[in-house]
Protein backbone atom coordinates (compact mmCIF):
# COMPACT_ATOMS: atom_id res chain seq x y z
CA MET A 1 13.41 -4.95 21.80
CA GLY A 2 14.54 -8.46 21.06
CA GLU A 3 15.39 -9.79 17.65
CA ASP A 4 12.03 -11.57 17.52
CA SER A 5 10.02 -8.45 18.38
CA PRO A 6 7.20 -7.72 15.92
CA ILE A 7 7.26 -3.98 16.73
CA PRO A 8 9.58 -3.03 13.81
CA LYS A 9 7.09 -4.62 11.38
CA TYR A 10 4.22 -2.57 12.75
CA VAL A 11 6.25 0.64 12.78
CA ALA A 12 7.29 0.01 9.16
CA GLU A 13 3.66 -0.51 8.15
CA PHE A 14 2.65 2.68 9.95
CA ILE A 15 5.38 4.78 8.31
CA GLY A 16 4.78 3.39 4.81
CA THR A 17 1.01 3.75 5.00
CA PHE A 18 1.31 7.23 6.51
CA MET A 19 3.67 8.41 3.77
CA LEU A 20 1.45 6.99 1.01
CA VAL A 21 -1.77 8.55 2.31
CA PHE A 22 -0.01 11.81 3.15
CA SER A 23 1.43 12.10 -0.37
CA VAL A 24 -1.96 11.38 -1.95
CA GLY A 25 -3.64 13.99 0.26
CA CYS A 26 -0.99 16.63 -0.42
CA ASN A 27 -1.23 16.07 -4.17
CA VAL A 28 -5.02 16.22 -4.18
CA LEU A 29 -5.03 19.44 -2.16
CA THR A 30 -2.40 21.11 -4.34
CA GLY A 31 -4.12 19.99 -7.55
CA GLN A 32 -1.03 18.40 -9.05
CA ALA A 33 -2.60 16.80 -12.12
CA VAL A 34 0.66 16.18 -14.00
CA TRP A 35 3.25 15.37 -11.35
CA GLY A 36 0.92 14.15 -8.61
CA VAL A 37 0.80 10.57 -9.81
CA THR A 38 4.56 10.52 -10.25
CA SER A 39 5.24 11.79 -6.74
CA ILE A 40 2.75 9.30 -5.25
CA ALA A 41 4.33 6.44 -7.20
CA CYS A 42 7.82 7.52 -6.15
CA THR A 43 6.74 7.73 -2.50
CA LEU A 44 5.30 4.22 -2.72
CA MET A 45 8.37 2.86 -4.53
CA VAL A 46 10.83 4.32 -2.03
CA SER A 47 8.70 3.12 0.90
CA ILE A 48 8.56 -0.40 -0.53
CA TYR A 49 12.31 -0.52 -1.06
CA ALA A 50 13.04 0.95 2.37
CA LEU A 51 10.50 -0.99 4.43
CA GLY A 52 9.63 -4.10 2.41
CA GLY A 53 12.33 -6.18 4.06
CA VAL A 54 10.97 -5.29 7.48
CA SER A 55 7.21 -5.73 7.13
CA GLY A 56 6.49 -6.86 3.59
CA ALA A 57 5.31 -3.33 2.69
CA ASN A 58 1.60 -4.05 2.47
CA PHE A 59 0.53 -0.45 3.25
CA ASN A 60 -3.13 -1.28 2.57
CA PRO A 61 -5.67 -3.24 4.65
CA ALA A 62 -7.00 -4.98 1.52
CA VAL A 63 -3.52 -6.27 0.71
CA SER A 64 -3.07 -7.50 4.28
CA LEU A 65 -6.43 -9.29 4.09
CA ALA A 66 -5.51 -10.88 0.74
CA LEU A 67 -2.21 -12.10 2.18
CA GLY A 68 -4.09 -13.60 5.12
CA LEU A 69 -6.56 -15.35 2.82
CA ALA A 70 -3.65 -16.72 0.79
CA ASN A 71 -1.92 -17.95 3.96
CA LYS A 72 1.06 -15.68 3.31
CA LEU A 73 0.55 -13.72 6.54
CA GLU A 74 -0.55 -14.97 9.96
CA TRP A 75 -4.06 -13.86 10.95
CA LYS A 76 -2.77 -12.19 14.10
CA ASP A 77 -0.50 -10.05 11.93
CA VAL A 78 -3.32 -9.41 9.45
CA ALA A 79 -5.46 -7.93 12.23
CA ILE A 80 -2.64 -5.87 13.71
CA TYR A 81 -1.45 -4.67 10.26
CA MET A 82 -4.98 -3.56 9.37
CA VAL A 83 -5.38 -1.60 12.62
CA VAL A 84 -1.94 -0.02 12.16
CA GLN A 85 -2.68 0.85 8.50
CA LEU A 86 -6.07 2.40 9.31
CA THR A 87 -4.52 4.37 12.18
CA ALA A 88 -1.71 5.59 9.91
CA GLY A 89 -4.22 6.63 7.24
CA VAL A 90 -6.26 8.64 9.74
CA ALA A 91 -3.08 10.24 11.17
CA ALA A 92 -1.94 11.16 7.65
CA GLY A 93 -5.36 12.67 6.92
CA PHE A 94 -5.16 14.83 10.02
CA SER A 95 -1.58 15.77 9.12
CA TYR A 96 -2.25 17.04 5.60
CA ALA A 97 -5.44 18.73 6.85
CA ALA A 98 -3.40 20.58 9.48
CA PHE A 99 -0.60 21.32 7.01
CA PHE A 100 -2.88 22.83 4.36
CA LYS A 101 -5.70 23.91 6.68
CA ASN A 102 -7.97 22.23 4.15
CA ILE A 103 -9.60 18.86 3.55
CA PHE A 104 -11.42 17.13 0.70
CA ASP A 105 -14.34 14.75 0.49
CA LEU A 106 -13.91 11.34 -1.06
CA GLN A 107 -16.76 10.99 -3.50
CA PRO A 108 -17.48 9.57 -6.94
CA SER A 109 -16.71 11.69 -9.97
CA PRO A 110 -19.71 13.64 -11.25
CA GLY A 111 -21.96 11.46 -13.39
CA TYR A 112 -21.09 8.19 -11.64
CA GLY A 113 -23.33 6.53 -9.12
CA PHE A 114 -22.70 4.45 -6.02
CA PHE A 115 -22.82 1.08 -7.82
CA GLN A 116 -20.42 2.19 -10.55
CA THR A 117 -18.00 3.55 -7.97
CA LEU A 118 -18.26 0.41 -5.86
CA LEU A 119 -17.60 -1.78 -8.89
CA ALA A 120 -14.56 0.28 -9.96
CA GLU A 121 -13.16 0.20 -6.41
CA PHE A 122 -13.68 -3.57 -6.24
CA PHE A 123 -11.84 -4.22 -9.53
CA TYR A 124 -8.94 -1.86 -8.78
CA THR A 125 -8.52 -3.33 -5.30
CA PHE A 126 -8.72 -6.85 -6.72
CA MET A 127 -6.00 -6.04 -9.27
CA LEU A 128 -3.78 -4.48 -6.58
CA CYS A 129 -4.08 -7.59 -4.40
CA PHE A 130 -3.65 -9.89 -7.41
CA VAL A 131 -0.42 -8.16 -8.43
CA VAL A 132 0.98 -8.18 -4.88
CA LEU A 133 0.21 -11.89 -4.48
CA ASN A 134 1.73 -12.81 -7.85
CA VAL A 135 4.79 -10.60 -7.79
CA ALA A 136 5.83 -9.94 -4.21
CA HIS A 137 4.80 -13.35 -2.87
CA LEU A 138 5.41 -15.60 -5.86
CA LYS A 139 6.96 -18.95 -4.98
CA PRO A 140 9.98 -19.77 -7.13
CA MET A 141 9.17 -22.28 -9.83
CA GLN A 142 11.03 -25.58 -9.52
CA GLY A 143 14.41 -25.02 -11.16
CA LYS A 144 13.07 -22.27 -13.43
CA THR A 145 13.59 -18.56 -13.32
CA ASN A 146 10.80 -16.39 -12.02
CA SER A 147 9.11 -14.95 -15.10
CA MET A 148 8.97 -11.54 -13.41
CA VAL A 149 12.77 -11.33 -13.06
CA LEU A 150 15.03 -10.81 -16.02
CA PRO A 151 18.27 -12.71 -15.45
CA LEU A 152 21.31 -10.66 -16.39
CA ASP A 153 24.43 -12.29 -17.77
CA LEU A 154 27.21 -9.85 -17.01
CA SER A 155 30.06 -12.15 -18.05
């Protein structure tokens, strides 16, 4: 593969998305109420640090779409990233199903209807995309420090 090959980006997106979905599935199936969120967050953090420099570490089709709409990612890459991410999610689902010989249904919590669930999913997805656009893809302000970075004076 040449230096300009896009394949490493797609492989990085597949691995990161796979690991994220796999860790969520494993934690749901094992019922890890206390440490589940921590292990999922650690998996995401490590994947971002390891693969962010290769692909941007989107790991979510909604994030890829938001980056396309904000002109931060070429539309060809948006489409390929989304296909890769969906494929990785399905592969991870089959993997934890085979590993545990068990699956789970994605459904609203008892007492919540379709509209409430749709609204919650919309707002959480919006916030995820908003944070990614404003933190990971923030343009440096002219001559000023990025407000998200704390400058350290080690002198």
